[in-house]
Amino acid sequence: MRIGQFTIAATLSILALTLSAPNALAQAQAEAMKYCKADVARLCPGVQMGGGRIIACLKEHKMEVSVGCAKVLQAMKAKMGQ
């Protein structure tokens, strides 16, 4: 019986970790969008979202992005361990 309880607890823990990671990423992306929206419109017109294309465009123009956007992108990079 204790093995069954351990299995349930372990499964719930793994599920909680799995669900929290995407939420943290989504929150970071929402914050980046708030600070980088104008930069994306100015520097990356016509670039479609998805597949990392917006981030790639902002990286290409890293010397031209606003201070707020640069800080958020740096924070995202640090959170992702890159």
Protein backbone atom coordinates (compact mmCIF):
# COMPACT_ATOMS: atom_id res chain seq x y z
CA MET A 1 0.00 0.00 0.00
CA ARG A 2 2.83 2.44 0.74
CA ILE A 3 4.31 1.85 -2.71
CA GLY A 4 0.99 2.90 -4.26
CA GLN A 5 0.93 6.09 -2.19
CA PHE A 6 4.54 6.85 -3.13
CA THR A 7 3.73 6.32 -6.80
CA ILE A 8 0.79 8.70 -6.61
CA ALA A 9 2.85 11.32 -4.79
CA ALA A 10 5.70 11.01 -7.29
CA THR A 11 3.31 11.27 -10.23
CA LEU A 12 1.67 14.38 -8.80
CA SER A 13 5.06 15.97 -8.16
CA ILE A 14 6.21 15.33 -11.72
CA LEU A 15 2.92 16.66 -13.06
CA ALA A 16 3.24 19.83 -10.98
CA LEU A 17 6.78 20.42 -12.28
CA THR A 18 5.72 19.77 -15.85
CA LEU A 19 2.80 22.16 -15.63
CA SER A 20 4.73 24.93 -13.89
CA ALA A 21 7.49 25.09 -16.51
CA PRO A 22 5.22 26.03 -19.43
CA ASN A 23 3.40 28.56 -17.24
CA ALA A 24 6.69 30.23 -16.33
CA LEU A 25 7.69 30.32 -19.98
CA ALA A 26 4.31 31.68 -21.01
CA GLN A 27 4.57 34.38 -18.35
CA ALA A 28 8.06 35.34 -19.53
CA GLN A 29 6.87 35.46 -23.13
CA ALA A 30 3.89 37.65 -22.18
CA GLU A 31 6.23 40.04 -20.36
CA ALA A 32 8.59 40.10 -23.33
CA MET A 33 5.70 40.88 -25.64
CA LYS A 34 4.67 43.79 -23.41
CA TYR A 35 8.13 45.37 -23.55
CA CYS A 36 9.09 44.34 -27.08
CA LYS A 37 5.85 44.88 -28.99
CA ALA A 38 6.91 48.22 -30.45
CA ASP A 39 10.38 46.86 -31.28
CA VAL A 40 8.87 43.90 -33.10
CA ALA A 41 6.58 46.20 -35.10
CA ARG A 42 9.47 48.52 -35.95
CA LEU A 43 12.28 46.03 -36.55
CA CYS A 44 10.51 42.86 -37.66
CA PRO A 45 7.50 43.82 -39.79
CA GLY A 46 6.12 40.87 -41.67
CA VAL A 47 7.92 38.27 -39.54
CA GLN A 48 5.39 35.60 -38.56
CA MET A 49 5.15 34.40 -34.98
CA GLY A 50 6.15 30.84 -34.16
CA GLY A 51 9.22 28.77 -34.60
CA GLY A 52 11.41 31.31 -32.84
CA ARG A 53 11.31 33.71 -35.79
CA ILE A 54 10.49 36.81 -33.72
CA ILE A 55 13.29 36.11 -31.22
CA ALA A 56 15.69 35.47 -34.11
CA CYS A 57 14.72 38.79 -35.67
CA LEU A 58 15.21 40.63 -32.38
CA LYS A 59 18.62 38.97 -32.00
CA GLU A 60 19.57 40.18 -35.48
CA HIS A 61 18.67 43.71 -34.36
CA LYS A 62 19.99 43.45 -30.81
CA MET A 63 21.79 46.79 -31.07
CA GLU A 64 18.56 48.50 -32.08
CA VAL A 65 16.05 47.17 -29.52
CA SER A 66 14.80 49.38 -26.71
CA VAL A 67 16.34 49.15 -23.26
CA GLY A 68 13.20 47.59 -21.76
CA CYS A 69 13.03 44.92 -24.44
CA ALA A 70 16.75 44.17 -24.13
CA LYS A 71 16.39 43.69 -20.37
CA VAL A 72 13.43 41.34 -20.73
CA LEU A 73 15.21 39.30 -23.41
CA GLN A 74 18.30 39.07 -21.20
CA ALA A 75 16.15 37.90 -18.27
CA MET A 76 14.50 35.25 -20.46
CA LYS A 77 17.91 34.08 -21.61
CA ALA A 78 19.07 33.78 -17.99
CA LYS A 79 15.93 31.84 -16.99
CA MET A 80 16.46 29.40 -19.83
CA GLY A 81 20.07 28.89 -18.80
CA GLN A 82 21.62 30.09 -22.04
